């Protein structure tokens, strides 16, 4: 196949389940190509020849790279054969990993469509964590803080809520409490014994930028202390001192994605549980 240089590439993700695995893999790989934009075409729940027909029509109309997770051998074989006819790459994302498992375990796999999405104990634990997290967002219900696994504190616009929800999806009950100038923190925060308390901070420049964008979206005035760099720096300094006083870990989220922040928190949480 001749070398091609594109500013964009069509990526077709074909799955007989939700497609989440494919999306994660495709985005992780596409992120390694800074000058290429991946245009995703996601086809979840492809379980019949008729559904595959529609997928093949779209692949032919917009050739690119095809990644798939199909348990059914008949659908997989047909998809691969048609892609060969189109002269485009087609890869089973799970096949290499399944091969390693089979070689190591010395046994065949038992194919199950959407096998990772089962209503087991872990699933209900994640739902319970999500319910708790939503009820304890932005300082709500502080009397129940000791039921949390993790409590996040930080000034406005330090990604407390999205990080909390991400952790909840990993089964971690997460409450978050805002640090607001002139408003005392709930007394329950200093009394917690079970949860890990983590402080989130960012650079004053980053916080001011996000806050200004927030005010702009609300058509609000931006000449307040809320977006004053010196005032924001004081808020951050207060958070740092608070965490130092209580020996709570502190994470700078300035250049971190939500996923990276959550990974750092999970590392602290593992250590906290082993104490």
Protein backbone atom coordinates (compact mmCIF):
# COMPACT_ATOMS: atom_id res chain seq x y z
CA UNK A 1 0.00 0.00 0.00
CA UNK A 2 1.58 3.37 -1.01
CA UNK A 3 2.57 5.92 1.63
CA UNK A 4 -0.05 8.55 2.21
CA UNK A 5 0.10 11.82 4.08
CA UNK A 6 -3.26 13.12 5.32
CA UNK A 7 -4.26 16.04 7.51
CA UNK A 8 -7.20 13.85 8.52
CA UNK A 9 -8.08 10.18 8.51
CA UNK A 10 -11.41 8.40 8.72
CA UNK A 11 -11.44 5.82 11.52
CA UNK A 12 -14.30 3.33 11.45
CA UNK A 13 -14.98 1.64 14.81
CA UNK A 14 -17.19 -1.42 14.46
CA UNK A 15 -18.40 -3.19 17.59
CA UNK A 16 -21.07 -5.70 18.58
CA UNK A 17 -21.22 -4.02 22.01
CA UNK A 18 -20.96 -0.37 23.10
CA UNK A 19 -17.75 0.45 21.25
CA UNK A 20 -16.11 2.00 24.32
CA UNK A 21 -13.01 -0.18 24.01
CA UNK A 22 -12.50 0.80 20.38
CA UNK A 23 -13.00 4.49 21.09
CA UNK A 24 -10.41 4.42 23.87
CA UNK A 25 -7.84 2.59 21.74
CA UNK A 26 -8.41 4.75 18.66
CA UNK A 27 -8.10 8.00 20.60
CA UNK A 28 -4.98 6.82 22.43
CA UNK A 29 -3.29 6.05 19.11
CA UNK A 30 -4.59 9.12 17.25
CA UNK A 31 -3.22 11.34 20.02
CA UNK A 32 0.29 10.32 18.93
CA UNK A 33 -0.20 12.11 15.59
CA UNK A 34 -0.35 15.83 16.35
CA UNK A 35 -0.85 16.91 12.74
CA UNK A 36 -3.57 14.41 11.90
CA UNK A 37 -7.24 14.73 12.80
CA UNK A 38 -9.08 11.44 13.25
CA UNK A 39 -12.68 11.56 12.08
CA UNK A 40 -14.49 8.88 14.07
CA UNK A 41 -17.33 6.79 12.69
CA UNK A 42 -18.69 4.66 15.53
CA UNK A 43 -20.97 1.68 14.85
CA UNK A 44 -22.10 0.05 18.12
CA UNK A 45 -24.29 -3.04 18.52
CA UNK A 46 -23.51 -4.48 15.09
CA UNK A 47 -24.90 -8.01 15.44
CA UNK A 48 -26.54 -8.88 12.12
CA UNK A 49 -25.61 -9.01 8.44
CA UNK A 50 -28.11 -6.24 7.72
CA UNK A 51 -26.46 -3.95 10.26
CA UNK A 52 -23.06 -4.79 8.80
CA UNK A 53 -24.33 -3.92 5.31
CA UNK A 54 -24.95 -0.34 6.45
CA UNK A 55 -21.49 -0.18 8.02
CA UNK A 56 -19.80 -1.44 4.85
CA UNK A 57 -21.63 1.14 2.76
CA UNK A 58 -20.32 3.94 4.97
CA UNK A 59 -16.79 2.50 5.00
CA UNK A 60 -16.77 2.37 1.20
CA UNK A 61 -18.01 5.96 1.01
CA UNK A 62 -15.30 7.24 3.38
CA UNK A 63 -12.28 4.90 3.22
CA UNK A 64 -9.87 4.95 6.12
CA UNK A 65 -8.81 2.65 8.94
CA UNK A 66 -11.20 0.03 10.31
CA UNK A 67 -10.90 -1.23 13.87
CA UNK A 68 -13.35 -3.77 15.18
CA UNK A 69 -14.41 -5.93 18.11
CA UNK A 70 -16.83 -8.52 16.75
CA UNK A 71 -17.28 -11.84 18.54
CA UNK A 72 -19.14 -13.53 15.67
CA UNK A 73 -16.71 -15.21 13.27
CA UNK A 74 -19.06 -14.81 10.30
CA UNK A 75 -19.39 -11.04 10.73
CA UNK A 76 -15.65 -10.64 11.36
CA UNK A 77 -14.71 -12.62 8.27
CA UNK A 78 -17.09 -10.70 6.04
CA UNK A 79 -15.87 -7.34 7.36
CA UNK A 80 -12.23 -8.28 6.77
CA UNK A 81 -12.91 -9.65 3.27
CA UNK A 82 -14.76 -6.53 2.19
CA UNK A 83 -12.03 -4.30 3.57
CA UNK A 84 -9.52 -6.25 1.49
CA UNK A 85 -11.67 -5.51 -1.55
CA UNK A 86 -11.63 -1.82 -0.61
CA UNK A 87 -7.82 -2.00 -0.08
CA UNK A 88 -8.06 -0.50 3.39
CA UNK A 89 -6.59 -1.80 6.68
CA UNK A 90 -8.88 -3.72 9.02
CA UNK A 91 -7.72 -4.74 12.50
CA UNK A 92 -9.31 -6.79 15.27
CA UNK A 93 -8.27 -4.83 18.36
CA UNK A 94 -8.71 -7.70 20.82
CA UNK A 95 -7.24 -10.53 18.71
CA UNK A 96 -3.55 -10.00 19.68
CA UNK A 97 -4.41 -9.76 23.38
CA UNK A 98 -6.68 -12.81 23.21
CA UNK A 99 -3.81 -14.69 21.55
CA UNK A 100 -1.49 -13.85 24.44
CA UNK A 101 -4.08 -14.98 27.00
CA UNK A 102 -4.72 -18.21 25.11
CA UNK A 103 -1.00 -18.98 24.84
CA UNK A 104 -0.34 -18.27 28.50
CA UNK A 105 -3.45 -19.96 29.92
CA UNK A 106 -3.40 -22.88 27.50
CA UNK A 107 -7.14 -22.70 26.95
CA UNK A 108 -9.58 -21.25 24.45
CA UNK A 109 -11.61 -18.14 25.25
CA UNK A 110 -15.38 -18.24 25.70
CA UNK A 111 -16.64 -15.46 23.42
CA UNK A 112 -19.31 -13.23 24.99
CA UNK A 113 -20.69 -10.11 23.36
CA UNK A 114 -20.23 -7.18 25.75
CA UNK A 115 -18.80 -9.54 28.35
CA UNK A 116 -17.31 -6.65 30.32
CA UNK A 117 -20.73 -5.01 30.71
CA UNK A 118 -22.38 -7.35 33.20
CA UNK A 119 -24.63 -6.58 36.16
CA UNK A 120 -22.18 -7.83 38.77
CA UNK A 121 -20.98 -6.52 42.13
CA UNK A 122 -18.52 -4.11 40.52
CA UNK A 123 -21.24 -2.64 38.31
CA UNK A 124 -23.54 -1.89 41.24
CA UNK A 125 -20.59 -0.52 43.20
CA UNK A 126 -19.96 2.00 40.42
CA UNK A 127 -23.64 2.98 40.33
CA UNK A 128 -23.65 3.44 44.11
CA UNK A 129 -20.51 5.57 43.87
CA UNK A 130 -22.04 7.70 41.13
CA UNK A 131 -25.22 8.27 43.17
CA UNK A 132 -23.17 9.30 46.20
CA UNK A 133 -20.95 11.60 44.15
CA UNK A 134 -23.84 13.44 42.52
CA UNK A 135 -25.50 13.98 45.91
CA UNK A 136 -22.25 15.33 47.41
CA UNK A 137 -21.20 17.68 44.63
CA UNK A 138 -20.09 21.24 45.44
CA UNK A 139 -20.24 20.89 49.21
CA UNK A 140 -23.71 19.36 49.48
CA UNK A 141 -24.61 17.10 52.43
CA UNK A 142 -21.32 17.55 54.36
CA UNK A 143 -22.76 15.65 57.32
CA UNK A 144 -22.21 12.46 55.32
CA UNK A 145 -18.56 13.05 54.35
CA UNK A 146 -17.20 10.08 56.29
CA UNK A 147 -19.07 7.75 53.94
CA UNK A 148 -16.87 8.94 51.05
CA UNK A 149 -13.76 7.20 49.75
CA UNK A 150 -12.25 10.48 48.54
CA UNK A 151 -13.01 14.13 49.30
CA UNK A 152 -11.71 16.74 46.86
CA UNK A 153 -11.23 20.35 47.93
CA UNK A 154 -10.20 23.32 45.84
CA UNK A 155 -11.13 26.77 44.62
CA UNK A 156 -13.56 27.34 41.79
CA UNK A 157 -12.51 26.04 38.35
CA UNK A 158 -10.03 23.39 39.45
CA UNK A 159 -11.99 20.51 37.87
CA UNK A 160 -13.42 19.14 41.11
CA UNK A 161 -16.77 18.02 39.69
CA UNK A 162 -15.60 16.30 36.49
CA UNK A 163 -12.79 14.59 38.41
CA UNK A 164 -15.30 13.42 41.03
CA UNK A 165 -17.57 11.94 38.37
CA UNK A 166 -14.64 10.23 36.66
CA UNK A 167 -13.61 8.65 39.97
CA UNK A 168 -17.20 7.60 40.63
CA UNK A 169 -17.17 5.72 37.34
CA UNK A 170 -14.22 3.82 38.74
CA UNK A 171 -16.28 2.91 41.80
CA UNK A 172 -14.81 5.57 44.13
CA UNK A 173 -17.37 7.48 46.21
CA UNK A 174 -16.20 11.08 45.86
CA UNK A 175 -17.43 14.25 47.52
CA UNK A 176 -16.07 17.66 46.57
CA UNK A 177 -16.01 20.84 48.62
CA UNK A 178 -15.31 24.33 47.23
CA UNK A 179 -12.83 26.63 48.91
CA UNK A 180 -14.52 30.06 48.78
CA UNK A 181 -13.01 33.25 50.26
CA UNK A 182 -14.93 34.39 53.32
CA UNK A 183 -16.98 31.20 53.62
CA UNK A 184 -15.86 28.72 56.30
CA UNK A 185 -15.33 25.13 55.30
CA UNK A 186 -17.80 22.62 56.76
CA UNK A 187 -16.57 21.47 60.20
CA UNK A 188 -17.13 17.85 59.15
CA UNK A 189 -14.18 18.15 56.76
CA UNK A 190 -11.63 18.39 59.56
CA UNK A 191 -13.30 15.53 61.42
CA UNK A 192 -13.26 12.89 58.67
CA UNK A 193 -11.34 9.74 59.53
CA UNK A 194 -12.05 7.32 56.67
CA UNK A 195 -11.83 9.27 53.37
CA UNK A 196 -8.69 10.48 51.65
CA UNK A 197 -8.82 14.28 51.36
CA UNK A 198 -7.04 15.70 48.31
CA UNK A 199 -6.51 19.35 47.42
CA UNK A 200 -6.63 20.50 43.79
CA UNK A 201 -4.85 23.67 42.66
CA UNK A 202 -3.86 25.29 39.38
CA UNK A 203 -1.77 28.25 38.33
CA UNK A 204 -3.43 31.67 38.85
CA UNK A 205 -3.17 32.34 35.11
CA UNK A 206 -5.01 29.14 34.24
CA UNK A 207 -7.74 29.69 36.82
CA UNK A 208 -8.30 33.29 35.71
CA UNK A 209 -8.52 32.20 32.07
CA UNK A 210 -11.14 29.55 32.81
CA UNK A 211 -13.13 31.89 35.04
CA UNK A 212 -13.12 34.64 32.41
CA UNK A 213 -14.44 32.19 29.83
CA UNK A 214 -17.11 31.13 32.32
CA UNK A 215 -18.23 34.71 32.93
CA UNK A 216 -18.21 35.38 29.19
CA UNK A 217 -20.54 32.46 28.59
CA UNK A 218 -22.88 33.89 31.26
CA UNK A 219 -22.65 37.46 29.91
CA UNK A 220 -21.48 38.54 33.36
CA UNK A 221 -19.07 41.32 34.32
CA UNK A 222 -15.43 40.33 34.62
CA UNK A 223 -14.16 43.16 36.80
CA UNK A 224 -14.60 41.31 40.09
CA UNK A 225 -12.18 39.63 42.50
CA UNK A 226 -13.35 36.34 40.97
CA UNK A 227 -11.03 36.96 38.02
CA UNK A 228 -8.44 39.16 39.73
CA UNK A 229 -5.08 37.42 39.47
CA UNK A 230 -3.85 38.58 42.88
CA UNK A 231 -7.08 37.49 44.57
CA UNK A 232 -6.93 34.11 42.83
CA UNK A 233 -3.32 33.66 43.93
CA UNK A 234 -4.44 34.23 47.54
CA UNK A 235 -7.16 31.58 47.16
CA UNK A 236 -4.58 29.11 45.87
CA UNK A 237 -2.16 29.97 48.69
CA UNK A 238 -4.93 29.37 51.24
CA UNK A 239 -5.62 25.93 49.74
CA UNK A 240 -1.93 25.03 49.84
CA UNK A 241 -1.63 26.08 53.50
CA UNK A 242 -4.80 24.18 54.42
CA UNK A 243 -3.50 20.98 52.84
CA UNK A 244 -0.06 21.41 54.39
CA UNK A 245 -1.58 21.89 57.84
CA UNK A 246 -3.57 18.68 57.59
CA UNK A 247 -0.95 16.76 55.59
CA UNK A 248 -3.45 16.27 52.75
CA UNK A 249 -1.94 15.51 49.34
CA UNK A 250 -2.06 18.36 46.84
CA UNK A 251 -2.28 18.00 43.06
CA UNK A 252 -1.59 20.77 40.55
CA UNK A 253 -4.07 20.27 37.70
CA UNK A 254 -2.75 23.10 35.49
CA UNK A 255 -1.40 20.80 32.78
CA UNK A 256 -3.25 17.62 33.68
CA UNK A 257 -6.25 16.09 31.99
CA UNK A 258 -9.10 14.81 34.15
CA UNK A 259 -7.84 11.27 33.56
CA UNK A 260 -4.32 12.16 34.68
CA UNK A 261 -5.59 13.91 37.79
CA UNK A 262 -7.78 10.92 38.64
CA UNK A 263 -4.85 8.54 38.14
CA UNK A 264 -2.75 10.56 40.60
CA UNK A 265 -5.61 10.55 43.12
CA UNK A 266 -6.03 6.78 42.75
CA UNK A 267 -2.33 6.38 43.49
CA UNK A 268 -2.72 8.38 46.71
CA UNK A 269 -5.90 6.45 47.53
CA UNK A 270 -4.10 3.13 47.24
CA UNK A 271 -1.43 4.33 49.65
CA UNK A 272 -4.12 5.72 51.98
CA UNK A 273 -5.89 2.35 52.16
CA UNK A 274 -2.62 0.55 52.94
CA UNK A 275 -1.84 2.77 55.92
